[in-house]
Every structure is written in structure tokens, then in C-alpha cells.
N, C-alpha and C. Protein backbone atom coordinates (compact mmCIF):
# COMPACT_ATOMS: atom_id res chain seq x y z
N UNK A 1 13.47 -85.78 -47.94
CA UNK A 1 13.98 -86.72 -48.04
C UNK A 1 15.07 -86.46 -46.71
N UNK A 2 15.45 -87.24 -46.09
CA UNK A 2 16.59 -86.93 -44.94
C UNK A 2 17.93 -87.16 -45.89
N UNK A 3 19.04 -86.62 -45.05
CA UNK A 3 20.04 -86.59 -45.70
C UNK A 3 20.88 -88.18 -45.03
N UNK A 4 21.54 -88.48 -45.59
CA UNK A 4 22.35 -89.89 -45.23
C UNK A 4 23.93 -88.95 -44.80
N UNK A 5 24.23 -89.02 -43.66
CA UNK A 5 25.59 -88.09 -43.38
C UNK A 5 26.84 -89.22 -42.95
N UNK A 6 27.11 -89.79 -44.04
CA UNK A 6 28.21 -90.75 -43.50
C UNK A 6 29.55 -89.80 -44.10
N UNK A 7 30.57 -90.49 -43.70
CA UNK A 7 32.06 -89.69 -44.01
C UNK A 7 32.38 -90.42 -45.47
N UNK A 8 31.99 -91.57 -45.71
CA UNK A 8 32.12 -92.02 -46.90
C UNK A 8 31.39 -91.22 -48.13
N UNK A 9 30.42 -90.26 -47.77
CA UNK A 9 29.74 -89.88 -48.70
C UNK A 9 30.23 -88.59 -49.14
N UNK A 10 31.60 -88.09 -48.62
CA UNK A 10 32.32 -86.92 -48.77
C UNK A 10 33.56 -87.44 -49.57
N UNK A 11 33.75 -86.95 -50.90
CA UNK A 11 34.61 -87.41 -51.97
C UNK A 11 35.20 -86.24 -52.69
N UNK A 12 36.34 -86.33 -53.12
CA UNK A 12 36.91 -85.21 -53.84
C UNK A 12 36.06 -84.88 -55.11
N UNK A 13 35.94 -83.61 -55.42
CA UNK A 13 35.18 -83.07 -56.53
C UNK A 13 35.68 -83.92 -57.75
N UNK A 14 34.64 -84.47 -58.56
CA UNK A 14 35.09 -85.13 -59.95
C UNK A 14 34.16 -85.10 -61.11
N UNK A 15 34.45 -85.17 -62.23
CA UNK A 15 33.49 -84.84 -63.37
C UNK A 15 32.14 -85.02 -63.38
N UNK A 16 31.92 -86.52 -62.72
CA UNK A 16 30.41 -86.87 -62.78
C UNK A 16 29.72 -86.22 -61.98
N UNK A 17 30.06 -85.44 -61.07
CA UNK A 17 28.91 -84.53 -60.54
C UNK A 17 28.22 -83.39 -61.05
N UNK A 18 26.83 -83.20 -60.79
CA UNK A 18 26.28 -81.89 -61.10
C UNK A 18 26.57 -81.06 -60.50
N UNK A 19 27.97 -80.29 -61.24
CA UNK A 19 28.17 -78.60 -60.56
C UNK A 19 27.09 -77.57 -60.86
N UNK A 20 26.38 -77.83 -61.97
CA UNK A 20 25.77 -76.88 -62.65
C UNK A 20 24.59 -76.86 -61.90
N UNK A 21 23.99 -77.50 -61.12
CA UNK A 21 22.61 -77.09 -60.19
C UNK A 21 22.73 -76.92 -58.88
N UNK A 22 24.23 -76.75 -58.30
CA UNK A 22 24.40 -76.17 -57.13
C UNK A 22 24.14 -75.21 -56.89
N UNK A 23 23.16 -74.87 -55.96
CA UNK A 23 22.74 -73.40 -55.67
C UNK A 23 22.90 -73.03 -54.00
N UNK A 24 23.88 -72.55 -53.71
CA UNK A 24 23.88 -72.04 -52.27
C UNK A 24 23.16 -70.77 -51.75
N UNK A 25 23.04 -70.08 -52.69
CA UNK A 25 22.13 -68.80 -52.79
C UNK A 25 23.46 -67.75 -52.81
N UNK A 26 24.81 -67.87 -52.85
CA UNK A 26 25.72 -67.06 -52.82
C UNK A 26 26.56 -67.27 -54.43
N UNK A 27 26.27 -65.99 -55.07
CA UNK A 27 26.88 -66.21 -56.44
C UNK A 27 28.32 -66.70 -56.47
N UNK A 28 29.03 -65.99 -55.62
CA UNK A 28 30.49 -66.03 -55.62
C UNK A 28 30.74 -67.57 -55.48
N UNK A 29 30.04 -68.19 -54.26
CA UNK A 29 30.56 -69.80 -54.25
C UNK A 29 29.89 -70.52 -55.03
N UNK A 30 28.68 -70.34 -55.67
CA UNK A 30 28.29 -71.20 -56.87
C UNK A 30 28.93 -71.41 -57.84
N UNK A 31 29.59 -69.97 -58.27
CA UNK A 31 30.67 -69.89 -59.77
C UNK A 31 31.78 -70.91 -59.50
N UNK A 32 32.33 -70.41 -58.03
CA UNK A 32 33.10 -71.36 -57.69
C UNK A 32 33.39 -72.86 -58.05
N UNK A 33 32.22 -73.32 -57.48
CA UNK A 33 32.19 -75.03 -57.16
C UNK A 33 31.54 -75.19 -59.20
N UNK A 34 30.99 -74.32 -59.61
CA UNK A 34 30.42 -74.29 -61.18
C UNK A 34 32.00 -74.54 -62.13
N UNK A 35 32.47 -73.33 -62.02
CA UNK A 35 33.52 -73.24 -62.74
C UNK A 35 34.86 -73.41 -62.32
N UNK A 36 35.02 -72.97 -61.32
CA UNK A 36 36.69 -73.17 -60.79
C UNK A 36 37.30 -74.08 -59.95
N UNK A 37 36.16 -74.85 -59.02
CA UNK A 37 37.15 -75.75 -58.40
C UNK A 37 37.65 -77.00 -59.11
N UNK A 38 37.38 -77.26 -59.86
CA UNK A 38 37.93 -78.58 -60.79
C UNK A 38 39.19 -78.17 -61.23
N UNK A 39 39.42 -76.56 -61.76
CA UNK A 39 40.92 -76.11 -61.85
C UNK A 39 41.54 -76.15 -60.84
N UNK A 40 41.15 -75.78 -59.90
CA UNK A 40 41.79 -75.46 -58.68
C UNK A 40 42.58 -76.77 -58.05
N UNK A 41 41.48 -77.83 -58.32
CA UNK A 41 41.84 -78.86 -57.89
C UNK A 41 43.28 -79.64 -58.52
N UNK A 42 43.37 -79.22 -59.93
CA UNK A 42 43.87 -79.93 -61.06
C UNK A 42 45.28 -79.08 -60.75
N UNK A 43 45.45 -77.90 -60.45
CA UNK A 43 46.35 -77.04 -60.27
C UNK A 43 47.06 -77.12 -58.59
N UNK A 44 46.55 -78.00 -57.99
CA UNK A 44 46.62 -78.05 -56.69
C UNK A 44 46.91 -76.75 -55.87
N UNK A 45 45.90 -75.89 -55.95
CA UNK A 45 46.03 -74.79 -55.12
C UNK A 45 44.80 -74.76 -54.02
N UNK A 46 43.86 -75.83 -54.30
CA UNK A 46 43.17 -76.31 -53.55
C UNK A 46 42.33 -77.41 -53.33
N UNK A 47 41.95 -78.35 -52.42
CA UNK A 47 41.56 -79.58 -52.34
C UNK A 47 40.02 -79.07 -52.23
N UNK A 48 39.11 -79.47 -53.20
CA UNK A 48 37.54 -79.36 -52.93
C UNK A 48 36.96 -81.00 -52.85
N UNK A 49 35.93 -80.81 -51.78
CA UNK A 49 35.74 -81.78 -51.18
C UNK A 49 34.22 -81.87 -51.36
N UNK A 50 33.12 -82.74 -51.68
CA UNK A 50 32.08 -82.60 -51.96
C UNK A 50 31.18 -83.61 -51.15
N UNK A 51 29.84 -83.29 -50.55
CA UNK A 51 29.04 -84.24 -50.24
C UNK A 51 27.82 -84.76 -50.72
N UNK A 52 27.71 -85.95 -51.10
CA UNK A 52 26.82 -86.42 -52.20
C UNK A 52 25.96 -87.42 -51.57
N UNK A 53 25.22 -88.29 -52.19
CA UNK A 53 24.32 -89.54 -52.01
C UNK A 53 24.70 -90.25 -52.95
N UNK A 54 24.25 -91.74 -52.15
CA UNK A 54 24.39 -92.68 -52.87
C UNK A 54 23.57 -92.69 -54.04
N UNK A 55 23.99 -93.25 -55.22
CA UNK A 55 22.71 -92.81 -56.57
C UNK A 55 22.51 -91.67 -57.08
N UNK A 56 23.17 -90.27 -56.78
CA UNK A 56 23.09 -89.02 -56.99
C UNK A 56 23.92 -88.75 -57.78
N UNK A 57 24.25 -87.86 -58.56
CA UNK A 57 25.21 -86.68 -59.06
C UNK A 57 25.11 -85.55 -58.16
N UNK A 58 24.09 -85.42 -57.37
CA UNK A 58 23.81 -83.75 -56.79
C UNK A 58 24.97 -83.71 -55.88
N UNK A 59 25.68 -82.22 -55.77
CA UNK A 59 26.46 -81.96 -54.87
C UNK A 59 25.71 -81.46 -53.74
N UNK A 60 25.23 -82.03 -52.44
CA UNK A 60 24.87 -81.20 -51.56
C UNK A 60 25.17 -80.16 -50.68
N UNK A 61 26.84 -80.31 -50.73
CA UNK A 61 27.43 -79.13 -50.33
C UNK A 61 28.89 -79.60 -50.54
N UNK A 62 29.81 -78.40 -50.07
CA UNK A 62 31.12 -78.70 -50.13
C UNK A 62 32.02 -77.94 -49.51
N UNK A 63 33.50 -78.08 -49.43
CA UNK A 63 34.37 -77.39 -48.83
C UNK A 63 35.64 -77.56 -49.54
N UNK A 64 36.65 -76.56 -49.41
CA UNK A 64 37.88 -76.60 -49.89
C UNK A 64 39.09 -76.44 -48.88
N UNK A 65 40.03 -77.29 -48.83
CA UNK A 65 41.25 -76.87 -47.95
C UNK A 65 42.70 -76.76 -48.62
N UNK A 66 43.31 -76.21 -48.14
CA UNK A 66 44.64 -75.77 -48.64
C UNK A 66 45.46 -75.30 -47.82
N UNK A 67 46.97 -75.26 -47.99
CA UNK A 67 47.77 -74.90 -47.26
C UNK A 67 47.90 -73.35 -47.00
N UNK A 68 48.45 -72.80 -45.57
CA UNK A 68 48.39 -71.45 -46.01
C UNK A 68 49.64 -70.95 -44.94
N UNK A 69 49.81 -69.93 -44.62
CA UNK A 69 50.37 -69.24 -43.39
C UNK A 69 49.73 -68.13 -42.62
N UNK A 70 49.79 -67.66 -41.69
CA UNK A 70 49.43 -66.51 -41.06
C UNK A 70 50.79 -65.82 -40.37
N UNK A 71 50.27 -64.41 -40.47
CA UNK A 71 51.79 -63.52 -39.53
C UNK A 71 51.20 -63.93 -38.01
N UNK A 72 52.37 -63.83 -37.47
CA UNK A 72 52.24 -64.31 -35.80
C UNK A 72 51.57 -63.05 -35.16
N UNK A 73 51.39 -61.74 -35.60
CA UNK A 73 50.80 -60.66 -34.98
C UNK A 73 49.52 -60.82 -35.32
N UNK A 74 49.02 -61.39 -36.15
CA UNK A 74 47.19 -61.43 -35.76
C UNK A 74 46.75 -62.33 -34.85
N UNK A 75 47.72 -63.13 -34.16
CA UNK A 75 46.71 -64.20 -33.08
C UNK A 75 46.86 -63.25 -32.02
N UNK A 76 45.71 -63.68 -31.13
CA UNK A 76 45.65 -63.14 -29.60
C UNK A 76 47.15 -62.93 -28.91
N UNK A 77 47.35 -62.20 -28.31
CA UNK A 77 48.79 -62.23 -27.33
C UNK A 77 48.94 -63.24 -26.65
N UNK A 78 47.85 -63.76 -25.94
CA UNK A 78 47.96 -65.03 -25.15
C UNK A 78 48.35 -66.26 -25.64
N UNK A 79 48.00 -66.44 -26.82
CA UNK A 79 48.43 -67.50 -27.89
C UNK A 79 49.81 -67.15 -28.39
N UNK A 80 50.17 -65.84 -28.80
CA UNK A 80 51.34 -65.63 -29.35
C UNK A 80 52.42 -66.14 -28.23
N UNK A 81 52.42 -65.61 -27.25
CA UNK A 81 53.54 -66.01 -26.15
C UNK A 81 53.53 -67.43 -25.76
N UNK A 82 52.83 -68.49 -26.48
CA UNK A 82 52.97 -69.89 -26.32
C UNK A 82 53.91 -70.47 -27.55
N UNK A 83 54.06 -69.85 -28.30
CA UNK A 83 53.98 -69.97 -30.03
C UNK A 83 55.69 -69.84 -29.82
N UNK A 84 56.47 -70.40 -31.06
CA UNK A 84 57.69 -70.11 -31.33
C UNK A 84 58.02 -68.43 -31.76
N UNK A 85 58.93 -68.34 -31.83
CA UNK A 85 59.22 -66.90 -32.20
C UNK A 85 59.44 -66.66 -33.64
N UNK A 86 58.50 -67.26 -34.84
CA UNK A 86 58.62 -67.05 -35.94
C UNK A 86 57.68 -65.96 -36.47
N UNK A 87 58.10 -65.21 -37.61
CA UNK A 87 57.20 -64.05 -37.95
C UNK A 87 55.69 -64.67 -38.96
N UNK A 88 55.39 -65.89 -39.34
CA UNK A 88 54.65 -66.59 -39.95
C UNK A 88 54.55 -68.13 -39.40
N UNK A 89 53.38 -68.50 -39.47
CA UNK A 89 53.06 -70.20 -38.77
C UNK A 89 52.14 -70.52 -39.99
N UNK A 90 52.52 -71.77 -40.08
CA UNK A 90 51.72 -72.99 -41.12
C UNK A 90 50.33 -72.98 -40.59
N UNK A 91 49.31 -73.22 -41.22
CA UNK A 91 47.94 -73.43 -40.98
C UNK A 91 47.07 -74.17 -42.20
N UNK A 92 46.52 -74.58 -41.87
CA UNK A 92 45.32 -75.16 -42.97
C UNK A 92 44.10 -73.93 -43.16
N UNK A 93 43.81 -73.89 -44.64
CA UNK A 93 42.87 -72.65 -44.76
C UNK A 93 41.75 -73.76 -45.42
N UNK A 94 40.73 -73.38 -44.62
CA UNK A 94 39.19 -74.02 -45.16
C UNK A 94 38.61 -72.77 -45.52
N UNK A 95 38.98 -72.73 -47.09
CA UNK A 95 38.70 -71.75 -48.01
C UNK A 95 37.18 -71.50 -48.18
N UNK A 96 36.58 -72.44 -48.41
CA UNK A 96 34.92 -72.12 -48.67
C UNK A 96 34.54 -73.47 -48.27
N UNK A 97 33.17 -72.87 -47.71
CA UNK A 97 32.17 -74.08 -47.23
C UNK A 97 30.77 -73.64 -47.65
N UNK A 98 30.18 -74.63 -48.41
CA UNK A 98 28.77 -74.22 -48.39
C UNK A 98 27.63 -75.35 -48.69
N UNK A 99 26.42 -75.25 -48.65
CA UNK A 99 25.39 -76.08 -48.45
C UNK A 99 24.39 -75.66 -49.92
N UNK A 100 24.16 -76.67 -50.46
CA UNK A 100 22.81 -76.10 -51.55
C UNK A 100 21.74 -75.99 -50.64
N UNK A 101 20.69 -74.88 -51.10
CA UNK A 101 19.57 -74.51 -50.51
C UNK A 101 18.68 -75.42 -50.31
N UNK A 102 18.41 -76.47 -51.24
CA UNK A 102 17.39 -77.59 -51.20
C UNK A 102 18.03 -78.35 -50.26
N UNK A 103 19.13 -78.51 -49.30
CA UNK A 103 19.69 -79.43 -48.35
C UNK A 103 19.67 -78.81 -47.07
N UNK A 104 19.25 -77.22 -46.94
CA UNK A 104 19.66 -76.71 -45.68
C UNK A 104 18.79 -77.05 -44.68
N UNK A 105 19.42 -76.46 -43.35
CA UNK A 105 18.74 -77.33 -42.29
C UNK A 105 18.62 -78.33 -41.97
N UNK A 106 19.43 -79.46 -42.48
CA UNK A 106 19.73 -80.54 -42.44
C UNK A 106 21.20 -81.13 -41.54
N UNK A 107 21.68 -80.20 -41.21
CA UNK A 107 22.98 -80.59 -40.74
C UNK A 107 24.27 -80.88 -41.67
N UNK A 108 24.13 -80.83 -42.85
CA UNK A 108 24.97 -80.78 -43.75
C UNK A 108 26.42 -80.17 -43.70
N UNK A 109 25.84 -78.51 -43.11
CA UNK A 109 26.98 -77.67 -43.04
C UNK A 109 28.17 -78.22 -41.81
N UNK A 110 27.12 -78.45 -40.70
CA UNK A 110 27.83 -78.89 -39.67
C UNK A 110 29.06 -79.83 -40.00
N UNK A 111 28.13 -80.87 -40.55
CA UNK A 111 29.10 -82.42 -41.11
C UNK A 111 29.98 -82.32 -42.07
N UNK A 112 29.94 -81.12 -42.88
CA UNK A 112 31.45 -80.76 -43.58
C UNK A 112 32.50 -80.31 -42.99
N UNK A 113 31.84 -79.44 -42.05
CA UNK A 113 32.78 -78.75 -40.85
C UNK A 113 33.53 -79.72 -40.31
N UNK A 114 32.72 -80.40 -39.90
CA UNK A 114 33.71 -81.64 -38.68
C UNK A 114 34.41 -82.40 -39.92
N UNK A 115 34.01 -82.74 -40.97
CA UNK A 115 35.28 -83.87 -41.94
C UNK A 115 36.08 -82.65 -42.10
N UNK A 116 36.06 -81.45 -42.61
CA UNK A 116 36.88 -80.48 -42.87
C UNK A 116 38.10 -80.63 -41.57
N UNK A 117 37.69 -80.47 -40.39
CA UNK A 117 38.61 -80.60 -39.51
C UNK A 117 39.14 -81.78 -39.26
N UNK A 118 38.55 -82.86 -39.32
CA UNK A 118 39.24 -84.17 -39.41
C UNK A 118 40.44 -84.13 -40.61
N UNK A 119 40.05 -84.07 -41.54
CA UNK A 119 41.11 -83.79 -42.50
C UNK A 119 42.39 -83.15 -42.44
N UNK A 120 41.86 -81.82 -41.89
CA UNK A 120 42.82 -81.07 -41.24
C UNK A 120 43.77 -81.87 -40.36
N UNK A 121 43.29 -82.18 -39.44
CA UNK A 121 44.02 -83.04 -37.92
C UNK A 121 45.03 -84.35 -38.83
N UNK A 122 44.15 -85.05 -39.66
CA UNK A 122 45.15 -86.18 -40.24
C UNK A 122 46.45 -85.56 -40.91
N UNK A 123 45.90 -84.56 -41.86
CA UNK A 123 47.21 -83.96 -42.50
C UNK A 123 48.26 -82.78 -41.86
N UNK A 124 47.75 -82.10 -40.47
CA UNK A 124 48.79 -82.06 -39.71
C UNK A 124 49.68 -82.89 -38.97
N UNK A 125 49.25 -84.25 -39.36
CA UNK A 125 50.35 -85.11 -38.64
C UNK A 125 51.37 -85.49 -39.56
N UNK A 126 51.14 -84.95 -40.77
CA UNK A 126 51.94 -85.48 -41.47
C UNK A 126 52.73 -84.11 -42.37
N UNK A 127 51.86 -83.02 -42.25
CA UNK A 127 52.56 -81.62 -42.72
C UNK A 127 52.40 -80.60 -41.47
N UNK A 128 53.19 -80.13 -41.09
CA UNK A 128 52.81 -79.09 -39.85
C UNK A 128 51.61 -78.15 -40.28
N UNK A 129 50.70 -77.78 -39.27
CA UNK A 129 49.50 -76.89 -39.74
C UNK A 129 49.11 -76.38 -37.96
N UNK A 130 49.38 -75.51 -37.39
CA UNK A 130 49.22 -75.11 -35.79
C UNK A 130 47.53 -74.59 -35.71
N UNK A 131 47.01 -74.46 -37.11
CA UNK A 131 45.09 -74.35 -36.72
C UNK A 131 44.71 -74.48 -38.25
N UNK A 132 43.49 -74.34 -38.01
CA UNK A 132 42.47 -74.02 -39.15
C UNK A 132 42.25 -72.85 -39.15
N UNK A 133 42.17 -72.22 -40.40
CA UNK A 133 41.51 -70.87 -40.36
C UNK A 133 40.67 -70.66 -41.44
N UNK A 134 39.41 -69.64 -41.48
CA UNK A 134 38.54 -69.71 -42.22
C UNK A 134 38.45 -67.96 -42.33
N UNK A 135 37.69 -67.80 -43.64
CA UNK A 135 37.45 -66.19 -43.59
C UNK A 135 36.05 -66.07 -43.98
N UNK A 136 35.02 -65.61 -42.74
CA UNK A 136 33.82 -65.88 -42.89
C UNK A 136 33.12 -64.34 -43.93
N UNK A 137 32.26 -65.07 -45.09
CA UNK A 137 31.85 -64.00 -46.11
C UNK A 137 31.09 -62.99 -45.37
N UNK A 138 30.18 -63.38 -44.50
CA UNK A 138 29.35 -62.42 -43.67
C UNK A 138 29.12 -62.91 -42.04
N UNK A 139 27.91 -62.08 -41.78
CA UNK A 139 27.92 -62.36 -40.15
C UNK A 139 27.07 -63.33 -40.06
N UNK A 140 26.45 -63.86 -40.94
CA UNK A 140 25.81 -65.52 -40.29
C UNK A 140 26.74 -66.81 -40.32
N UNK A 141 27.92 -66.50 -41.54
CA UNK A 141 28.97 -67.28 -41.43
C UNK A 141 30.11 -67.15 -40.44
N UNK A 142 30.52 -65.94 -39.83
CA UNK A 142 30.86 -65.62 -38.56
C UNK A 142 30.27 -66.58 -37.45
N UNK A 143 28.90 -66.12 -37.47
CA UNK A 143 28.23 -66.91 -36.31
C UNK A 143 28.42 -68.51 -36.29
N UNK A 144 28.23 -68.91 -37.42
CA UNK A 144 28.26 -70.18 -37.72
C UNK A 144 29.93 -70.88 -37.22
N UNK A 145 30.79 -70.29 -37.46
CA UNK A 145 32.19 -70.77 -36.93
C UNK A 145 32.49 -70.36 -35.49
N UNK A 146 31.87 -69.26 -35.38
CA UNK A 146 31.96 -69.03 -33.75
C UNK A 146 31.34 -69.99 -33.02
N UNK A 147 30.16 -71.02 -33.35
CA UNK A 147 29.55 -71.57 -32.58
C UNK A 147 30.41 -72.65 -32.30
N UNK A 148 31.25 -73.04 -33.31
CA UNK A 148 32.09 -74.07 -33.05
C UNK A 148 33.69 -73.70 -32.55
N UNK A 149 33.43 -72.80 -31.77
CA UNK A 149 34.79 -71.89 -31.04
C UNK A 149 36.03 -71.52 -31.83
N UNK A 150 35.76 -71.14 -32.99
CA UNK A 150 36.60 -70.61 -33.80
C UNK A 150 37.08 -68.92 -33.30
N UNK A 151 37.85 -68.64 -33.31
CA UNK A 151 38.45 -67.25 -32.49
C UNK A 151 38.70 -66.44 -33.57
N UNK A 152 38.32 -65.25 -33.66
CA UNK A 152 39.10 -64.17 -34.63
C UNK A 152 40.33 -63.54 -34.40
N UNK A 153 41.00 -63.51 -35.50
CA UNK A 153 42.05 -62.67 -35.62
C UNK A 153 42.08 -61.33 -35.10
N UNK A 154 43.18 -60.85 -34.43
CA UNK A 154 42.93 -59.47 -34.07
C UNK A 154 42.60 -58.05 -35.06
N UNK A 155 43.50 -58.38 -36.03
CA UNK A 155 43.25 -57.42 -36.98
C UNK A 155 42.09 -57.43 -37.97
N UNK A 156 41.60 -58.51 -38.29
CA UNK A 156 40.89 -59.26 -39.20
C UNK A 156 39.66 -59.91 -38.36
N UNK A 157 38.55 -59.21 -37.78
CA UNK A 157 37.73 -60.27 -37.20
C UNK A 157 36.85 -60.86 -37.68
N UNK A 158 36.53 -60.92 -39.39
CA UNK A 158 36.06 -61.86 -40.09
C UNK A 158 36.95 -63.40 -40.40
N UNK A 159 38.06 -63.06 -40.16
CA UNK A 159 38.97 -64.27 -40.24
C UNK A 159 39.30 -64.61 -38.99
N UNK A 160 39.09 -66.12 -38.72
CA UNK A 160 39.22 -66.60 -37.57
C UNK A 160 39.51 -67.87 -37.74
N UNK A 161 40.08 -68.53 -36.25
CA UNK A 161 41.01 -69.56 -36.42
C UNK A 161 40.31 -70.30 -35.27
N UNK A 162 40.95 -71.84 -35.35
CA UNK A 162 40.66 -72.74 -34.52
C UNK A 162 41.78 -73.47 -34.60
N UNK A 163 42.86 -73.70 -33.24
CA UNK A 163 43.92 -73.81 -32.93
C UNK A 163 44.00 -75.55 -33.13
N UNK A 164 45.19 -76.29 -33.66
CA UNK A 164 44.53 -77.44 -34.13
C UNK A 164 45.12 -78.32 -32.62
N UNK A 165 45.44 -78.10 -31.59
CA UNK A 165 44.91 -78.69 -30.31
C UNK A 165 43.60 -78.80 -29.86
N UNK A 166 42.80 -77.90 -30.09
CA UNK A 166 41.55 -77.62 -30.08
C UNK A 166 40.85 -78.81 -30.90
N UNK A 167 41.52 -78.71 -32.14
CA UNK A 167 40.71 -79.78 -33.32
C UNK A 167 40.99 -81.14 -32.81
N UNK A 168 42.32 -81.23 -32.46
CA UNK A 168 42.49 -82.62 -31.82
C UNK A 168 41.70 -83.08 -30.34
N UNK A 169 41.38 -82.19 -29.50
CA UNK A 169 40.78 -82.83 -28.53
C UNK A 169 39.18 -82.40 -28.91
N UNK A 170 38.37 -82.53 -29.99
CA UNK A 170 37.30 -82.79 -30.74
C UNK A 170 37.23 -84.27 -31.05
N UNK A 171 38.35 -84.80 -31.69
CA UNK A 171 38.49 -86.15 -31.96
C UNK A 171 39.03 -87.38 -31.04
N UNK A 172 39.40 -86.90 -29.68
CA UNK A 172 39.88 -87.53 -28.71
C UNK A 172 38.75 -88.12 -28.20
């Protein structure tokens, strides 16, 4: 069955969804969506969004967004020189992104990433964020984000960012 990848199929996580059946192949991410994500949403520490299909309670994939800060010395020198002289800068953290194994290879991961970037850009128009950051769990995740032009931090190479100016260009 081909996935119907439309923005209206990405919704905030809610009770009616079948979180127990979600399996992306990573125990930590599975546990998060099954046991922790709703609590994080209720406590406003993360906003989990899920991709579903019409007339289905299955979670195809999910991601989380939250506000964060980064220390300026983590950024590449050429970018640091163009920014205000603050010790830290506001960013949007794309904390988790995963796709159920049953739906892999159908573009759901890329679709979720683009939606997360769109929401981040829209949010940055209301509350400042100079970039979207991610922490790649492994080499495969790092390759995924680098494919979309995320840049590694100087001191933490698996922590990557995409400047909000780049995100804006994607949607212009």
C-alpha cells in the first residue's frame, strides 16, 4: 500500500493512536513514542507530531520539536562572525524523528523532516530561532541529515544544524 503523504496527515500525538504497535527498530525511540511522548507534550517539554493515514490509528512516523539554545562557540567560525556577540543563541530542536519499519523506503522520513522544518520556520516568525538542530543517533541518521545540508557542530560532530535562513530558502 502506497502512503498518502499529505500535510494534513501529520497531527499532534493524541490518545486514539496505536503507539504500542510502533516499531522503528530502535528501542529507545520505540519506548519514547510508546511511553513518554504524551507526557512530554502534556508537560510542554516537547511537541510530538505523528504521520498517520486516513481511517487508521497506526503511527507511520513521528518527530518532536522543542525550543533550545546553543553555545555560539559550537558554530563554525564563518557563521559565528556573522552573528550577534551573544554567548548562546535560540534554536529549534528536532529532538527525535523515526519511521515505523513497516513503512520504510516510502519517503515518510523525508516528508516528516520537511514538515518539521516548515513548522520550525513558521514558529521562528513568532519566537526567534536562528537554526534547527538535530542530534544524530548513529552514522545512518547523520548521513540522512547531511543529505539535507545539515552542518555538524565543531565540538560535537553528530550534533548538526541547518540555519533558519537555509530553511527559509527551501520554502521560498
